[in-house]
N, C-alpha and C. Protein backbone atom coordinates (compact mmCIF):
# COMPACT_ATOMS: atom_id res chain seq x y z
N MET A 1 0.84 -1.16 0.00
CA MET A 1 0.00 0.00 0.00
C MET A 1 0.90 1.23 0.00
N GLU A 2 0.53 2.21 -0.82
CA GLU A 2 1.28 3.45 -0.90
C GLU A 2 0.33 4.62 -0.67
N LEU A 3 0.67 5.47 0.28
CA LEU A 3 -0.14 6.63 0.62
C LEU A 3 0.71 7.87 0.39
N THR A 4 0.21 8.79 -0.43
CA THR A 4 0.93 10.02 -0.75
C THR A 4 0.11 11.21 -0.28
N LEU A 5 0.70 12.01 0.58
CA LEU A 5 0.06 13.25 1.03
C LEU A 5 0.46 14.36 0.08
N GLN A 6 -0.51 15.11 -0.40
CA GLN A 6 -0.23 16.20 -1.33
C GLN A 6 -0.37 17.52 -0.59
N GLY A 7 0.65 18.34 -0.69
CA GLY A 7 0.63 19.64 -0.02
C GLY A 7 2.00 19.93 0.54
N SER A 8 2.08 21.00 1.29
CA SER A 8 3.36 21.42 1.85
C SER A 8 3.42 21.10 3.35
N SER A 9 4.61 21.10 3.89
CA SER A 9 4.80 20.89 5.33
C SER A 9 4.12 22.00 6.11
N PHE A 10 4.23 23.23 5.62
CA PHE A 10 3.60 24.36 6.27
C PHE A 10 2.07 24.20 6.27
N GLY A 11 1.53 23.76 5.15
CA GLY A 11 0.09 23.53 5.07
C GLY A 11 -0.36 22.45 6.04
N LEU A 12 0.41 21.37 6.14
CA LEU A 12 0.08 20.28 7.07
C LEU A 12 0.09 20.79 8.51
N LEU A 13 1.07 21.62 8.85
CA LEU A 13 1.13 22.18 10.20
C LEU A 13 -0.08 23.07 10.50
N ARG A 14 -0.66 23.64 9.45
CA ARG A 14 -1.86 24.47 9.60
C ARG A 14 -3.13 23.63 9.49
N GLY A 15 -2.98 22.32 9.29
CA GLY A 15 -4.14 21.44 9.21
C GLY A 15 -4.77 21.36 7.84
N ARG A 16 -3.98 21.61 6.80
CA ARG A 16 -4.52 21.58 5.43
C ARG A 16 -3.64 20.71 4.52
N LEU A 17 -4.32 19.88 3.76
CA LEU A 17 -3.66 19.08 2.73
C LEU A 17 -4.39 19.33 1.42
N GLU A 18 -3.64 19.35 0.33
CA GLU A 18 -4.27 19.52 -0.99
C GLU A 18 -5.00 18.25 -1.41
N GLY A 19 -4.58 17.13 -0.85
CA GLY A 19 -5.23 15.86 -1.15
C GLY A 19 -4.38 14.70 -0.70
N VAL A 20 -4.92 13.51 -0.89
CA VAL A 20 -4.24 12.27 -0.55
C VAL A 20 -4.47 11.30 -1.70
N VAL A 21 -3.42 10.54 -2.04
CA VAL A 21 -3.53 9.50 -3.07
C VAL A 21 -3.19 8.17 -2.42
N LEU A 22 -4.07 7.19 -2.61
CA LEU A 22 -3.86 5.84 -2.06
C LEU A 22 -3.82 4.86 -3.21
N GLN A 23 -2.77 4.05 -3.26
CA GLN A 23 -2.67 2.95 -4.22
C GLN A 23 -2.36 1.69 -3.42
N ALA A 24 -3.09 0.62 -3.73
CA ALA A 24 -2.89 -0.63 -2.99
C ALA A 24 -3.17 -1.82 -3.89
N ARG A 25 -2.55 -2.94 -3.56
CA ARG A 25 -2.77 -4.21 -4.27
C ARG A 25 -3.03 -5.29 -3.23
N ASP A 26 -3.97 -6.17 -3.57
CA ASP A 26 -4.26 -7.35 -2.76
C ASP A 26 -4.47 -7.02 -1.28
N VAL A 27 -5.50 -6.21 -1.03
CA VAL A 27 -5.87 -5.84 0.34
C VAL A 27 -7.33 -6.23 0.58
N ARG A 28 -7.72 -6.24 1.83
CA ARG A 28 -9.12 -6.48 2.20
C ARG A 28 -9.63 -5.23 2.90
N PHE A 29 -10.83 -4.83 2.54
CA PHE A 29 -11.50 -3.72 3.20
C PHE A 29 -12.86 -4.22 3.65
N ASP A 30 -13.06 -4.29 4.95
CA ASP A 30 -14.32 -4.76 5.53
C ASP A 30 -14.73 -6.12 4.97
N GLY A 31 -13.76 -6.98 4.76
CA GLY A 31 -14.04 -8.33 4.27
C GLY A 31 -14.12 -8.45 2.76
N LEU A 32 -14.00 -7.33 2.04
CA LEU A 32 -14.03 -7.39 0.57
C LEU A 32 -12.61 -7.49 0.02
N PRO A 33 -12.37 -8.44 -0.86
CA PRO A 33 -11.04 -8.61 -1.43
C PRO A 33 -10.82 -7.62 -2.57
N LEU A 34 -9.88 -6.72 -2.41
CA LEU A 34 -9.60 -5.72 -3.43
C LEU A 34 -8.25 -6.04 -4.07
N GLN A 35 -8.29 -6.35 -5.36
CA GLN A 35 -7.06 -6.69 -6.06
C GLN A 35 -6.23 -5.44 -6.35
N HIS A 36 -6.92 -4.37 -6.71
CA HIS A 36 -6.23 -3.13 -7.04
C HIS A 36 -7.11 -1.94 -6.63
N VAL A 37 -6.49 -0.97 -5.98
CA VAL A 37 -7.20 0.22 -5.52
C VAL A 37 -6.40 1.45 -5.90
N GLU A 38 -7.06 2.41 -6.51
CA GLU A 38 -6.46 3.73 -6.77
C GLU A 38 -7.49 4.77 -6.36
N LEU A 39 -7.21 5.48 -5.28
CA LEU A 39 -8.13 6.50 -4.78
C LEU A 39 -7.38 7.81 -4.60
N SER A 40 -8.07 8.90 -4.86
CA SER A 40 -7.50 10.22 -4.58
C SER A 40 -8.58 11.08 -3.96
N SER A 41 -8.16 11.96 -3.07
CA SER A 41 -9.12 12.82 -2.39
C SER A 41 -8.97 14.25 -2.87
N GLY A 42 -9.98 15.04 -2.57
CA GLY A 42 -9.88 16.47 -2.73
C GLY A 42 -9.15 17.04 -1.52
N ALA A 43 -9.23 18.34 -1.38
CA ALA A 43 -8.57 19.01 -0.25
C ALA A 43 -9.14 18.52 1.07
N LEU A 44 -8.25 18.43 2.07
CA LEU A 44 -8.63 17.98 3.42
C LEU A 44 -8.27 19.06 4.43
N ARG A 45 -9.13 19.22 5.41
CA ARG A 45 -8.83 20.10 6.53
C ARG A 45 -8.85 19.26 7.80
N LEU A 46 -7.77 19.33 8.55
CA LEU A 46 -7.63 18.54 9.77
C LEU A 46 -7.86 19.41 10.99
N ASP A 47 -8.49 18.83 12.01
CA ASP A 47 -8.69 19.51 13.28
C ASP A 47 -7.52 19.14 14.17
N LEU A 48 -6.52 20.00 14.23
CA LEU A 48 -5.31 19.70 14.99
C LEU A 48 -5.49 19.95 16.49
N SER A 49 -6.61 20.55 16.87
CA SER A 49 -6.83 20.81 18.30
C SER A 49 -7.00 19.51 19.08
N LEU A 50 -7.41 18.45 18.40
CA LEU A 50 -7.59 17.15 19.06
C LEU A 50 -6.32 16.30 19.06
N LEU A 51 -5.28 16.79 18.41
CA LEU A 51 -4.05 16.01 18.26
C LEU A 51 -3.33 15.89 19.59
N GLN A 52 -3.12 14.66 20.01
CA GLN A 52 -2.41 14.34 21.24
C GLN A 52 -1.54 13.13 20.95
N PRO A 53 -0.51 12.92 21.75
CA PRO A 53 0.32 11.73 21.53
C PRO A 53 -0.53 10.46 21.52
N GLY A 54 -0.33 9.65 20.51
CA GLY A 54 -1.06 8.38 20.38
C GLY A 54 -2.41 8.50 19.73
N ARG A 55 -2.89 9.69 19.42
CA ARG A 55 -4.19 9.88 18.76
C ARG A 55 -3.96 10.34 17.34
N MET A 56 -4.86 9.95 16.48
CA MET A 56 -4.77 10.37 15.09
C MET A 56 -5.45 11.72 14.93
N ALA A 57 -5.06 12.45 13.90
CA ALA A 57 -5.70 13.72 13.60
C ALA A 57 -7.13 13.48 13.14
N ALA A 58 -8.01 14.38 13.48
CA ALA A 58 -9.42 14.26 13.09
C ALA A 58 -9.68 15.15 11.87
N LEU A 59 -10.55 14.70 11.02
CA LEU A 59 -10.93 15.49 9.86
C LEU A 59 -11.93 16.55 10.31
N ALA A 60 -11.77 17.77 9.80
CA ALA A 60 -12.60 18.88 10.24
C ALA A 60 -13.87 19.05 9.41
N GLU A 61 -13.88 18.56 8.19
CA GLU A 61 -15.05 18.74 7.32
C GLU A 61 -15.10 17.66 6.25
N PRO A 62 -16.26 17.51 5.61
CA PRO A 62 -16.38 16.49 4.55
C PRO A 62 -15.39 16.75 3.41
N PHE A 63 -15.07 15.67 2.69
CA PHE A 63 -14.18 15.79 1.54
C PHE A 63 -14.59 14.79 0.47
N ALA A 64 -14.12 15.03 -0.74
CA ALA A 64 -14.46 14.17 -1.88
C ALA A 64 -13.36 13.15 -2.13
N VAL A 65 -13.77 11.96 -2.58
CA VAL A 65 -12.85 10.90 -2.97
C VAL A 65 -13.30 10.37 -4.33
N GLN A 66 -12.36 10.10 -5.21
CA GLN A 66 -12.69 9.45 -6.48
C GLN A 66 -11.63 8.39 -6.76
N GLY A 67 -12.03 7.40 -7.57
CA GLY A 67 -11.06 6.38 -7.87
C GLY A 67 -11.64 5.13 -8.48
N THR A 68 -10.80 4.10 -8.49
CA THR A 68 -11.10 2.83 -9.13
C THR A 68 -10.74 1.69 -8.19
N VAL A 69 -11.59 0.66 -8.17
CA VAL A 69 -11.36 -0.53 -7.36
C VAL A 69 -11.61 -1.75 -8.24
N THR A 70 -10.71 -2.73 -8.17
CA THR A 70 -10.86 -3.98 -8.92
C THR A 70 -11.00 -5.13 -7.93
N ILE A 71 -12.04 -5.96 -8.15
CA ILE A 71 -12.32 -7.09 -7.26
C ILE A 71 -12.31 -8.37 -8.08
N PRO A 72 -11.49 -9.36 -7.72
CA PRO A 72 -11.49 -10.64 -8.44
C PRO A 72 -12.79 -11.40 -8.21
N GLY A 73 -13.31 -12.02 -9.26
CA GLY A 73 -14.60 -12.71 -9.19
C GLY A 73 -14.64 -13.84 -8.19
N ALA A 74 -13.62 -14.70 -8.16
CA ALA A 74 -13.63 -15.85 -7.24
C ALA A 74 -13.65 -15.38 -5.79
N GLU A 75 -12.86 -14.36 -5.48
CA GLU A 75 -12.82 -13.83 -4.12
C GLU A 75 -14.11 -13.08 -3.77
N LEU A 76 -14.71 -12.40 -4.76
CA LEU A 76 -16.00 -11.74 -4.52
C LEU A 76 -17.06 -12.79 -4.19
N ASN A 77 -17.03 -13.90 -4.91
CA ASN A 77 -17.95 -15.01 -4.63
C ASN A 77 -17.81 -15.45 -3.17
N GLU A 78 -16.58 -15.68 -2.72
CA GLU A 78 -16.34 -16.10 -1.34
C GLU A 78 -16.85 -15.05 -0.36
N ALA A 79 -16.62 -13.78 -0.65
CA ALA A 79 -17.08 -12.71 0.24
C ALA A 79 -18.60 -12.69 0.34
N LEU A 80 -19.29 -12.84 -0.80
CA LEU A 80 -20.76 -12.81 -0.80
C LEU A 80 -21.37 -14.00 -0.06
N LEU A 81 -20.60 -15.05 0.13
CA LEU A 81 -21.07 -16.22 0.88
C LEU A 81 -20.66 -16.15 2.35
N SER A 82 -19.82 -15.16 2.70
CA SER A 82 -19.37 -15.02 4.08
C SER A 82 -20.47 -14.39 4.94
N GLU A 83 -20.33 -14.55 6.23
CA GLU A 83 -21.33 -14.00 7.16
C GLU A 83 -21.47 -12.49 6.97
N ARG A 84 -20.38 -11.79 6.81
CA ARG A 84 -20.40 -10.32 6.70
C ARG A 84 -21.19 -9.84 5.49
N TRP A 85 -21.06 -10.50 4.34
CA TRP A 85 -21.67 -10.03 3.10
C TRP A 85 -22.80 -10.91 2.58
N SER A 86 -23.21 -11.94 3.34
CA SER A 86 -24.27 -12.84 2.86
C SER A 86 -25.60 -12.12 2.68
N GLY A 87 -25.83 -11.06 3.42
CA GLY A 87 -27.07 -10.29 3.24
C GLY A 87 -27.16 -9.72 1.85
N LEU A 88 -26.05 -9.19 1.34
CA LEU A 88 -26.03 -8.66 -0.02
C LEU A 88 -26.14 -9.81 -1.03
N GLY A 89 -25.43 -10.90 -0.79
CA GLY A 89 -25.52 -12.06 -1.69
C GLY A 89 -26.94 -12.60 -1.76
N ASP A 90 -27.60 -12.70 -0.61
CA ASP A 90 -28.98 -13.20 -0.59
C ASP A 90 -29.95 -12.20 -1.22
N TRP A 91 -29.69 -10.91 -1.05
CA TRP A 91 -30.51 -9.89 -1.72
C TRP A 91 -30.41 -10.08 -3.24
N MET A 92 -29.19 -10.28 -3.73
CA MET A 92 -28.98 -10.48 -5.17
C MET A 92 -29.72 -11.74 -5.63
N ALA A 93 -29.61 -12.82 -4.87
CA ALA A 93 -30.28 -14.06 -5.24
C ALA A 93 -31.78 -13.88 -5.27
N GLU A 94 -32.33 -13.24 -4.25
CA GLU A 94 -33.78 -13.04 -4.17
C GLU A 94 -34.28 -12.17 -5.31
N ARG A 95 -33.61 -11.05 -5.54
CA ARG A 95 -34.07 -10.10 -6.56
C ARG A 95 -33.80 -10.58 -7.99
N LEU A 96 -32.70 -11.30 -8.19
CA LEU A 96 -32.30 -11.65 -9.55
C LEU A 96 -32.60 -13.10 -9.94
N LEU A 97 -32.71 -13.97 -8.94
CA LEU A 97 -33.01 -15.38 -9.21
C LEU A 97 -34.37 -15.81 -8.68
N GLY A 98 -34.89 -15.06 -7.72
CA GLY A 98 -36.18 -15.39 -7.13
C GLY A 98 -36.11 -16.40 -6.01
N VAL A 99 -34.91 -16.78 -5.59
CA VAL A 99 -34.71 -17.73 -4.49
C VAL A 99 -33.50 -17.30 -3.66
N THR A 100 -33.43 -17.84 -2.46
CA THR A 100 -32.23 -17.64 -1.63
C THR A 100 -31.83 -18.99 -1.06
N PRO A 101 -30.63 -19.16 -0.62
CA PRO A 101 -29.53 -18.21 -0.62
C PRO A 101 -28.76 -18.24 -1.95
N LEU A 102 -27.88 -17.26 -2.11
CA LEU A 102 -26.99 -17.26 -3.27
C LEU A 102 -26.06 -18.46 -3.15
N GLY A 103 -25.93 -19.20 -4.23
CA GLY A 103 -25.04 -20.36 -4.23
C GLY A 103 -23.66 -20.03 -4.76
N ARG A 104 -23.63 -19.16 -5.80
CA ARG A 104 -22.35 -18.89 -6.43
C ARG A 104 -22.46 -17.70 -7.36
N LEU A 105 -21.39 -16.93 -7.46
CA LEU A 105 -21.24 -15.87 -8.45
C LEU A 105 -20.03 -16.23 -9.29
N VAL A 106 -20.21 -16.20 -10.60
CA VAL A 106 -19.12 -16.54 -11.54
C VAL A 106 -19.01 -15.44 -12.57
N MET A 107 -17.79 -15.05 -12.90
CA MET A 107 -17.57 -14.07 -13.96
C MET A 107 -17.03 -14.80 -15.18
N ASP A 108 -17.71 -14.59 -16.31
CA ASP A 108 -17.36 -15.26 -17.55
C ASP A 108 -17.22 -14.19 -18.64
N ASN A 109 -15.99 -13.87 -18.98
CA ASN A 109 -15.69 -12.76 -19.91
C ASN A 109 -16.33 -11.48 -19.38
N ASP A 110 -17.31 -10.91 -20.08
CA ASP A 110 -17.92 -9.66 -19.64
C ASP A 110 -19.29 -9.87 -18.99
N VAL A 111 -19.55 -11.10 -18.56
CA VAL A 111 -20.86 -11.47 -18.01
C VAL A 111 -20.70 -11.99 -16.58
N VAL A 112 -21.69 -11.67 -15.73
CA VAL A 112 -21.75 -12.20 -14.37
C VAL A 112 -22.87 -13.22 -14.33
N GLU A 113 -22.57 -14.41 -13.82
CA GLU A 113 -23.58 -15.45 -13.66
C GLU A 113 -23.83 -15.68 -12.18
N LEU A 114 -25.11 -15.66 -11.80
CA LEU A 114 -25.52 -15.99 -10.44
C LEU A 114 -26.16 -17.36 -10.44
N GLN A 115 -25.90 -18.13 -9.39
CA GLN A 115 -26.45 -19.47 -9.27
C GLN A 115 -27.02 -19.67 -7.87
N ALA A 116 -28.08 -20.46 -7.80
CA ALA A 116 -28.66 -20.85 -6.51
C ALA A 116 -29.21 -22.26 -6.64
N GLN A 117 -29.03 -23.03 -5.61
CA GLN A 117 -29.53 -24.41 -5.60
C GLN A 117 -30.98 -24.42 -5.13
N VAL A 118 -31.80 -25.21 -5.81
CA VAL A 118 -33.20 -25.40 -5.42
C VAL A 118 -33.37 -26.87 -5.08
N MET A 119 -34.00 -27.15 -3.96
CA MET A 119 -34.12 -28.53 -3.47
C MET A 119 -34.74 -29.48 -4.48
N ALA A 120 -35.76 -29.07 -5.18
CA ALA A 120 -36.47 -29.97 -6.08
C ALA A 120 -35.73 -30.20 -7.41
N HIS A 121 -34.63 -29.48 -7.63
CA HIS A 121 -33.89 -29.61 -8.90
C HIS A 121 -32.48 -30.10 -8.65
N ARG A 122 -31.99 -30.87 -9.58
CA ARG A 122 -30.62 -31.37 -9.50
C ARG A 122 -29.62 -30.27 -9.83
N ASP A 123 -29.92 -29.52 -10.88
CA ASP A 123 -29.02 -28.45 -11.32
C ASP A 123 -29.43 -27.13 -10.69
N PRO A 124 -28.47 -26.25 -10.44
CA PRO A 124 -28.80 -24.95 -9.86
C PRO A 124 -29.52 -24.05 -10.87
N ILE A 125 -30.26 -23.09 -10.34
CA ILE A 125 -30.82 -22.03 -11.18
C ILE A 125 -29.66 -21.13 -11.57
N ARG A 126 -29.61 -20.73 -12.83
CA ARG A 126 -28.54 -19.87 -13.33
C ARG A 126 -29.14 -18.74 -14.13
N ARG A 127 -28.63 -17.54 -13.87
CA ARG A 127 -29.01 -16.39 -14.70
C ARG A 127 -27.76 -15.58 -14.96
N ARG A 128 -27.71 -15.03 -16.16
CA ARG A 128 -26.52 -14.27 -16.58
C ARG A 128 -26.89 -12.81 -16.81
N PHE A 129 -25.93 -11.93 -16.45
CA PHE A 129 -26.18 -10.49 -16.48
C PHE A 129 -24.97 -9.73 -17.00
N TRP A 130 -25.26 -8.63 -17.67
CA TRP A 130 -24.26 -7.61 -17.93
C TRP A 130 -24.37 -6.62 -16.79
N LEU A 131 -23.27 -5.99 -16.44
CA LEU A 131 -23.30 -4.95 -15.42
C LEU A 131 -23.09 -3.60 -16.10
N GLU A 132 -23.84 -2.59 -15.63
CA GLU A 132 -23.72 -1.24 -16.16
C GLU A 132 -23.73 -0.26 -15.00
N ALA A 133 -23.11 0.90 -15.19
CA ALA A 133 -23.25 1.99 -14.24
C ALA A 133 -24.44 2.82 -14.70
N GLU A 134 -25.39 3.00 -13.81
CA GLU A 134 -26.61 3.75 -14.15
C GLU A 134 -27.11 4.45 -12.89
N ALA A 135 -27.36 5.74 -12.99
CA ALA A 135 -27.92 6.53 -11.88
C ALA A 135 -27.08 6.40 -10.60
N GLY A 136 -25.76 6.30 -10.75
CA GLY A 136 -24.86 6.26 -9.60
C GLY A 136 -24.69 4.92 -8.94
N THR A 137 -25.25 3.88 -9.53
CA THR A 137 -25.14 2.55 -8.93
C THR A 137 -24.79 1.53 -10.00
N VAL A 138 -24.67 0.27 -9.59
CA VAL A 138 -24.44 -0.83 -10.52
C VAL A 138 -25.79 -1.43 -10.86
N GLN A 139 -26.03 -1.60 -12.14
CA GLN A 139 -27.29 -2.16 -12.60
C GLN A 139 -27.02 -3.51 -13.27
N PHE A 140 -27.82 -4.52 -12.88
CA PHE A 140 -27.77 -5.84 -13.49
C PHE A 140 -28.75 -5.84 -14.66
N ARG A 141 -28.27 -6.14 -15.86
CA ARG A 141 -29.14 -6.21 -17.04
C ARG A 141 -29.13 -7.65 -17.53
N SER A 142 -30.28 -8.27 -17.53
CA SER A 142 -30.43 -9.68 -17.88
C SER A 142 -30.04 -9.93 -19.34
N LEU A 143 -29.29 -11.00 -19.58
CA LEU A 143 -28.96 -11.38 -20.95
C LEU A 143 -30.18 -11.94 -21.67
N SER A 144 -31.10 -12.57 -20.92
CA SER A 144 -32.26 -13.19 -21.54
C SER A 144 -33.37 -12.18 -21.84
N ASP A 145 -33.39 -11.06 -21.14
CA ASP A 145 -34.40 -10.02 -21.38
C ASP A 145 -33.76 -8.68 -21.04
N GLU A 146 -33.26 -7.99 -22.06
CA GLU A 146 -32.51 -6.76 -21.84
C GLU A 146 -33.33 -5.66 -21.18
N ARG A 147 -34.65 -5.77 -21.21
CA ARG A 147 -35.50 -4.78 -20.54
C ARG A 147 -35.50 -4.98 -19.03
N GLU A 148 -35.13 -6.17 -18.60
CA GLU A 148 -35.12 -6.49 -17.16
C GLU A 148 -33.82 -5.96 -16.55
N ARG A 149 -33.98 -4.96 -15.68
CA ARG A 149 -32.83 -4.32 -15.04
C ARG A 149 -33.09 -4.20 -13.55
N THR A 150 -32.06 -4.46 -12.76
CA THR A 150 -32.17 -4.35 -11.31
C THR A 150 -30.96 -3.58 -10.80
N SER A 151 -31.23 -2.54 -10.01
CA SER A 151 -30.16 -1.70 -9.47
C SER A 151 -29.73 -2.20 -8.10
N LEU A 152 -28.44 -2.23 -7.89
CA LEU A 152 -27.86 -2.61 -6.61
C LEU A 152 -28.13 -1.50 -5.60
N PRO A 153 -28.54 -1.83 -4.38
CA PRO A 153 -28.72 -0.77 -3.37
C PRO A 153 -27.36 -0.11 -3.10
N MET A 154 -27.38 1.21 -2.95
CA MET A 154 -26.12 1.93 -2.84
C MET A 154 -26.21 3.00 -1.77
N ASP A 155 -25.14 3.18 -1.05
CA ASP A 155 -25.03 4.30 -0.11
C ASP A 155 -25.16 5.59 -0.91
N PRO A 156 -26.03 6.51 -0.52
CA PRO A 156 -26.24 7.72 -1.31
C PRO A 156 -24.99 8.60 -1.43
N ALA A 157 -24.01 8.43 -0.56
CA ALA A 157 -22.78 9.21 -0.64
C ALA A 157 -21.81 8.67 -1.69
N ILE A 158 -22.10 7.47 -2.24
CA ILE A 158 -21.23 6.83 -3.23
C ILE A 158 -21.92 6.85 -4.58
N ARG A 159 -21.20 7.24 -5.62
CA ARG A 159 -21.74 7.27 -6.99
C ARG A 159 -20.81 6.46 -7.89
N ILE A 160 -21.33 5.39 -8.48
CA ILE A 160 -20.57 4.58 -9.43
C ILE A 160 -20.75 5.22 -10.81
N THR A 161 -19.64 5.50 -11.48
CA THR A 161 -19.70 6.15 -12.80
C THR A 161 -19.36 5.19 -13.94
N ASP A 162 -18.69 4.08 -13.62
CA ASP A 162 -18.34 3.10 -14.65
C ASP A 162 -18.14 1.75 -13.99
N VAL A 163 -18.54 0.70 -14.69
CA VAL A 163 -18.32 -0.67 -14.21
C VAL A 163 -17.96 -1.52 -15.41
N SER A 164 -16.99 -2.41 -15.22
CA SER A 164 -16.65 -3.34 -16.30
C SER A 164 -16.30 -4.69 -15.70
N VAL A 165 -16.59 -5.72 -16.47
CA VAL A 165 -16.26 -7.09 -16.09
C VAL A 165 -15.39 -7.66 -17.19
N SER A 166 -14.22 -8.13 -16.83
CA SER A 166 -13.34 -8.78 -17.80
C SER A 166 -12.27 -9.57 -17.05
N ALA A 167 -11.78 -10.59 -17.71
CA ALA A 167 -10.70 -11.43 -17.17
C ALA A 167 -10.98 -11.91 -15.74
N GLY A 168 -12.24 -12.22 -15.46
CA GLY A 168 -12.59 -12.78 -14.16
C GLY A 168 -12.60 -11.78 -13.01
N ARG A 169 -12.73 -10.49 -13.31
CA ARG A 169 -12.78 -9.50 -12.24
C ARG A 169 -13.69 -8.34 -12.63
N ILE A 170 -14.14 -7.64 -11.61
CA ILE A 170 -15.00 -6.48 -11.81
C ILE A 170 -14.22 -5.23 -11.42
N THR A 171 -14.34 -4.19 -12.24
CA THR A 171 -13.70 -2.92 -11.94
C THR A 171 -14.78 -1.85 -11.81
N LEU A 172 -14.74 -1.15 -10.69
CA LEU A 172 -15.71 -0.08 -10.41
C LEU A 172 -14.97 1.25 -10.37
N GLU A 173 -15.56 2.24 -11.00
CA GLU A 173 -15.01 3.59 -10.94
C GLU A 173 -16.09 4.50 -10.40
N GLY A 174 -15.71 5.44 -9.55
CA GLY A 174 -16.71 6.33 -9.01
C GLY A 174 -16.15 7.38 -8.10
N HIS A 175 -17.06 8.03 -7.39
CA HIS A 175 -16.66 9.06 -6.44
C HIS A 175 -17.61 9.02 -5.23
N ALA A 176 -17.13 9.63 -4.16
CA ALA A 176 -17.91 9.62 -2.93
C ALA A 176 -17.65 10.89 -2.14
N SER A 177 -18.59 11.21 -1.29
CA SER A 177 -18.42 12.29 -0.33
C SER A 177 -18.25 11.63 1.03
N VAL A 178 -17.15 11.94 1.69
CA VAL A 178 -16.85 11.32 2.99
C VAL A 178 -17.10 12.35 4.08
N THR A 179 -17.92 11.97 5.05
CA THR A 179 -18.24 12.85 6.17
C THR A 179 -17.58 12.29 7.42
N PRO A 180 -16.74 13.10 8.06
CA PRO A 180 -16.07 12.61 9.27
C PRO A 180 -17.04 12.33 10.41
């Protein structure tokens, strides 16, 4: 992981940074496997009045972040089946397959396939989707019926501007407003 502070020493002493750039490979954030991360922030103002030995500086006001995150498909599948993210996996299964729980997520070229096992059937239910960025979120567009679209629930402070699936991974590009 590489973190670059942008600005001058004098500005930092006054509690101001022009921005921060974060680049990382093969990290986990809240249980999500991130293969590649490139984030940059807008200007930051720090509240240095709270600075004491052993304490981190506090942010004084909201700031903007933009960037790109790449998630490998196999690891995303494992995360969606984990206790932490199973709620999202089951939401996807319910909304996109009509059953729960999610059995598997597979990325095949530029397509995402969701699978779920049904007791009365030997083979799992399978549906395939293209992913698109639409209205600030990720939208699943069915390969079997292009009019069928389902938007992923999204934190209103996060806006997805581009999404692509290729080589077994998903890449998300977007921006967010971070409130301390």
